[in-house]
Structures are given as C-alpha cells and as structure tokens.
Protein backbone atom coordinates (compact mmCIF):
# COMPACT_ATOMS: atom_id res chain seq x y z
CA MET A 1 -17.54 -33.84 -10.79
CA ASP A 2 -15.82 -36.57 -12.80
CA THR A 3 -15.50 -36.12 -16.53
CA ALA A 4 -14.44 -38.78 -18.97
CA ASP A 5 -15.75 -40.41 -22.09
CA THR A 6 -18.57 -42.63 -20.85
CA SER A 7 -20.17 -43.61 -24.15
CA GLU A 8 -21.60 -47.08 -24.07
CA ASN A 9 -21.48 -49.56 -26.92
CA PRO A 10 -23.40 -52.83 -26.40
CA ALA A 11 -20.90 -54.68 -28.61
CA ASP A 12 -17.96 -53.35 -26.59
CA THR A 13 -16.60 -56.03 -24.25
CA SER A 14 -13.75 -53.90 -22.86
CA VAL A 15 -15.47 -53.61 -19.49
CA THR A 16 -15.10 -57.35 -18.93
CA ARG A 17 -11.43 -57.28 -19.97
CA ARG A 18 -10.83 -54.19 -17.86
CA ALA A 19 -12.47 -55.77 -14.83
CA PHE A 20 -10.31 -58.87 -15.26
CA LEU A 21 -7.10 -56.87 -15.61
CA THR A 22 -8.02 -54.63 -12.70
CA ALA A 23 -8.76 -57.60 -10.44
CA SER A 24 -5.51 -59.31 -11.47
CA THR A 25 -3.46 -56.21 -10.78
CA ILE A 26 -5.14 -55.55 -7.45
CA ALA A 27 -4.39 -59.13 -6.43
CA LEU A 28 -0.70 -58.48 -7.16
CA ALA A 29 -0.71 -55.04 -5.53
CA THR A 30 -2.69 -55.82 -2.38
CA PRO A 31 0.27 -56.94 -0.24
CA LEU A 32 2.10 -53.70 -1.08
CA ALA A 33 -0.79 -51.24 -0.84
CA THR A 34 -3.14 -51.71 2.09
CA GLY A 35 -4.70 -49.45 4.70
CA THR A 36 -7.17 -46.62 4.98
CA ALA A 37 -6.78 -43.12 3.61
CA SER A 38 -5.54 -41.10 6.58
CA ALA A 39 -2.59 -38.84 7.24
CA ASP A 40 -1.27 -41.38 9.78
CA ASP A 41 -0.44 -43.99 7.16
CA LEU A 42 0.30 -41.66 4.25
CA ASP A 43 4.03 -42.14 4.77
CA SER A 44 3.76 -45.87 4.03
CA TRP A 45 1.67 -45.13 0.92
CA LEU A 46 4.36 -42.76 -0.36
CA ALA A 47 7.37 -44.87 0.64
CA ASP A 48 8.10 -46.15 -2.86
CA VAL A 49 7.00 -43.11 -4.89
CA PRO A 50 10.24 -42.20 -6.70
CA ASN A 51 9.54 -38.51 -7.29
CA TYR A 52 8.01 -37.63 -3.92
CA GLU A 53 10.10 -34.89 -2.32
CA ALA A 54 7.56 -32.45 -0.91
CA VAL A 55 3.89 -31.56 -0.91
CA ALA A 56 2.83 -29.16 -3.66
CA ASP A 57 0.82 -26.60 -1.73
CA ALA A 58 -2.02 -25.47 -4.01
CA ARG A 59 -4.33 -24.22 -1.28
CA GLY A 60 -6.04 -21.08 -2.51
CA GLU A 61 -6.30 -22.38 -6.09
CA SER A 62 -9.65 -23.42 -7.57
CA GLU A 63 -8.08 -25.88 -10.03
CA VAL A 64 -4.86 -27.89 -9.88
CA SER A 65 -3.15 -29.94 -12.63
CA VAL A 66 -1.38 -33.27 -12.11
CA THR A 67 0.61 -34.93 -14.90
CA VAL A 68 -0.03 -38.65 -15.49
CA GLY A 69 3.01 -40.51 -16.87
CA ALA A 70 5.61 -37.94 -15.80
CA ASP A 71 9.38 -38.37 -15.57
CA ASP A 72 10.04 -41.98 -16.63
CA GLY A 73 6.37 -42.46 -17.57
CA PHE A 74 5.45 -44.12 -14.28
CA THR A 75 4.76 -41.23 -11.90
CA TYR A 76 2.23 -38.53 -11.17
CA ASP A 77 3.63 -35.00 -10.96
CA PRO A 78 3.24 -33.63 -8.41
CA PRO A 79 2.59 -36.87 -6.54
CA VAL A 80 1.16 -35.11 -3.48
CA VAL A 81 -0.85 -31.92 -3.58
CA ALA A 82 -2.56 -29.96 -0.80
CA VAL A 83 -5.82 -28.25 -1.77
CA ASP A 84 -8.78 -26.51 -0.18
CA PRO A 85 -12.22 -28.19 -0.11
CA GLY A 86 -14.01 -27.42 -3.39
CA THR A 87 -10.83 -27.57 -5.49
CA THR A 88 -10.89 -29.47 -8.77
CA VAL A 89 -7.86 -31.63 -9.58
CA VAL A 90 -7.31 -32.25 -13.31
CA TRP A 91 -5.06 -35.16 -14.28
CA GLU A 92 -3.55 -34.94 -17.80
CA TRP A 93 -1.91 -37.87 -19.59
CA THR A 94 1.50 -37.50 -21.28
CA GLY A 95 1.14 -40.70 -23.31
CA ASP A 96 4.39 -42.03 -21.78
CA GLY A 97 4.73 -45.28 -19.86
CA GLY A 98 1.83 -47.15 -21.43
CA THR A 99 -1.74 -47.31 -20.20
CA HIS A 100 -2.51 -45.44 -16.97
CA ASP A 101 -5.51 -44.61 -14.84
CA VAL A 102 -6.31 -42.66 -11.68
CA VAL A 103 -8.14 -44.77 -9.10
CA ASP A 104 -9.01 -43.61 -5.58
CA GLU A 105 -8.21 -46.27 -3.00
CA ASP A 106 -11.67 -45.91 -1.43
CA GLY A 107 -13.59 -45.82 -4.73
CA ALA A 108 -14.57 -42.12 -4.66
CA TYR A 109 -13.36 -41.61 -8.26
CA GLU A 110 -11.87 -43.65 -11.09
CA SER A 111 -10.73 -42.76 -14.59
CA ASP A 112 -10.56 -45.07 -17.57
CA LEU A 113 -7.31 -46.87 -18.43
CA VAL A 114 -5.88 -44.55 -21.10
CA VAL A 115 -2.70 -44.32 -23.15
CA ASP A 116 -3.54 -41.19 -25.19
CA ALA A 117 -1.52 -38.02 -24.60
CA GLY A 118 -3.73 -35.06 -23.74
CA PHE A 119 -6.55 -37.10 -22.18
CA THR A 120 -7.84 -35.46 -19.00
CA PHE A 121 -9.82 -36.62 -16.00
CA GLU A 122 -11.01 -34.41 -13.17
CA HIS A 123 -12.51 -34.70 -9.72
CA THR A 124 -13.67 -32.00 -7.33
CA PHE A 125 -12.73 -32.62 -3.69
CA GLU A 126 -15.58 -31.33 -1.52
CA GLU A 127 -14.71 -32.80 1.89
CA ALA A 128 -11.58 -32.40 4.01
CA GLY A 129 -9.37 -35.45 4.38
CA VAL A 130 -6.74 -37.51 2.58
CA SER A 131 -7.36 -39.17 -0.77
CA ARG A 132 -4.83 -41.80 -1.81
CA TYR A 133 -4.88 -42.86 -5.44
CA GLY A 134 -2.78 -44.86 -7.87
CA CYS A 135 -2.43 -46.27 -11.36
CA THR A 136 -3.96 -49.75 -11.23
CA PRO A 137 -1.29 -51.53 -13.32
CA HIS A 138 1.62 -49.62 -11.80
CA ILE A 139 0.89 -49.23 -8.06
CA PRO A 140 3.60 -51.78 -7.12
CA MET A 141 6.07 -49.69 -9.15
CA GLY A 142 5.30 -46.64 -6.99
CA MET A 143 2.90 -44.86 -9.36
CA LYS A 144 0.81 -43.43 -6.56
CA GLY A 145 -0.28 -40.05 -5.31
CA ALA A 146 -2.35 -38.27 -2.72
CA VAL A 147 -4.58 -35.25 -2.45
CA LEU A 148 -4.59 -33.60 0.97
CA VAL A 149 -7.83 -31.66 1.33
CA GLY A 150 -7.96 -28.93 3.96
CA ASP A 151 -5.44 -27.43 6.36
CA GLU A 152 -5.48 -30.28 8.88
CA ALA A 153 -4.63 -32.92 6.26
CA ALA A 154 -1.91 -30.74 4.70
CA GLU A 155 -0.23 -30.12 8.06
CA ALA A 156 -0.22 -33.83 8.99
CA VAL A 157 1.85 -34.96 5.99
CA PRO A 158 5.16 -36.72 6.75
CA ALA A 159 8.51 -35.39 5.58
CA ALA A 160 9.77 -37.14 2.45
CA GLY A 161 13.40 -37.37 3.55
CA GLY A 162 12.79 -40.17 6.04
CA LEU A 163 10.94 -42.49 3.69
CA GLN A 164 12.42 -45.76 2.53
CA SER A 165 11.59 -47.66 -0.64
CA ILE A 166 9.83 -51.00 -0.55
CA PRO A 167 11.68 -53.34 -2.92
CA LEU A 168 9.65 -55.29 -5.47
CA LEU A 169 9.56 -59.02 -4.99
CA PRO A 170 11.33 -61.03 -7.74
CA GLY A 171 8.98 -61.64 -10.65
CA VAL A 172 6.54 -58.86 -9.71
CA ALA A 173 8.23 -56.29 -11.96
CA ALA A 174 8.13 -58.71 -14.91
CA SER A 175 4.47 -59.52 -14.22
CA LEU A 176 3.61 -55.83 -14.07
CA ALA A 177 5.40 -55.17 -17.35
CA ILE A 178 3.42 -57.96 -19.03
CA ILE A 179 0.14 -56.66 -17.56
CA GLY A 180 0.99 -53.16 -18.79
CA VAL A 181 1.68 -54.38 -22.34
CA VAL A 182 -1.46 -56.52 -22.44
CA THR A 183 -3.56 -53.66 -21.05
CA ALA A 184 -2.21 -51.25 -23.66
CA ALA A 185 -2.90 -53.75 -26.46
CA ILE A 186 -6.46 -54.37 -25.27
CA SER A 187 -7.06 -50.62 -24.93
CA ARG A 188 -5.86 -50.00 -28.50
CA TRP A 189 -7.89 -52.94 -29.85
CA THR A 190 -11.01 -51.76 -28.00
CA ARG A 191 -10.60 -48.22 -29.28
CA ALA A 192 -10.11 -49.48 -32.85
CA SER A 193 -13.18 -51.74 -32.56
CA ARG A 194 -15.26 -48.85 -31.20
CA ASP A 195 -14.08 -46.57 -34.01
CA ARG A 196 -14.97 -49.20 -36.63
CA ALA A 197 -18.42 -49.71 -35.08
CA GLN A 198 -19.10 -45.96 -35.09
CA THR A 199 -18.16 -45.61 -38.79
CA ARG A 200 -20.66 -48.27 -39.86
C-alpha cells in the first residue's frame, strides 16, 4: 500500500508543473535508462549507481528501510535490496541533494517529488520479480535502485565488481542540475502556496 500526502487543492497547479518536469527529465533520461524490469538486464540498470556494491539481503523481514538522498545526496541506500513477497519497503528522505522521488520504471508505484527530511513513502511488494526504480530528476546521475522480490530474483542478481559506469554526455549534467534547482524551487513555492491557502 502506498502512503503519501494526497490532499487535493483545486487552486494547486503543481501537478501540471510536475508533469512537465517529469516529461522533460524522462526525455533526457530515456537514452540512458531503457528496458524491462528483469534480472537479465539489472546489471545495465545498476551500471552507473555509485554506491552499489552488493545486494542487501532483507529476506525474512516484514519491513525494510531505504534512505533517499544518501551519501552525496544523490543515492538510495541500500540501492538494491532482496525481500520476500509481502514485504513493505519504506523510503525515508534525508533532505540532502535537493528534490527527490521514488518512481517504479513500470508505473507500479510513485512518490511525490519531495525535499523535506523525514518524509516517508512506502510500497508493499506482493509479487515475485524485479522492481527497478529511480529518482526522476537524477536517474542519469545514477540515482537508481532495485527491489528483488523472492528467492529467484535475489539469486539472479549480477555481481557489482564487474559493472562499468556509463559516462554522462556533455551538457547533460548541467541540464540535470538546472532541472533539480527548478524542481526544488517549484516544490517550495507550491508548498508555500498550499500553506497560505489552508490558513485562509
């Protein structure tokens, strides 16, 4: 079950801005992040994840925590976790690295774009398989992760030692930085507008 603040405000136009920013970022990220969520292509998905060293084996746990904005502010920690079907993964924001989200590549779950430390988002993984996810504005920077659900998915994961990084094309890093700053500004403005509307 996904949990996040889903309050609606008719005067709030952040959805339109968010949709625009998401579409723009996906257009930039598409050449670097394509494919279906399977163990066979997980190694290419993880190739540029800077903190991926091993799978965090959390099978047997009913709930697992993943930090959003870890290390330099642009990673999930742990980036790859193995769980049993029925396990709930809870992502918690550090507030570092700007605005982040958690978006499943196949659309099974999606958090809001958030900058606030302590914000949490959760999803319960009912079916066995591989779920690849990333931070919409920072996928090309390697802010990606995966949840391996079930024994078969966990045993099919590639070893991290043989992975090679995919270099960013010139100008992409600068574009991503600008998108991140604009997204953070819009998020703060939207939150302030919502707060003002609620106090009236």
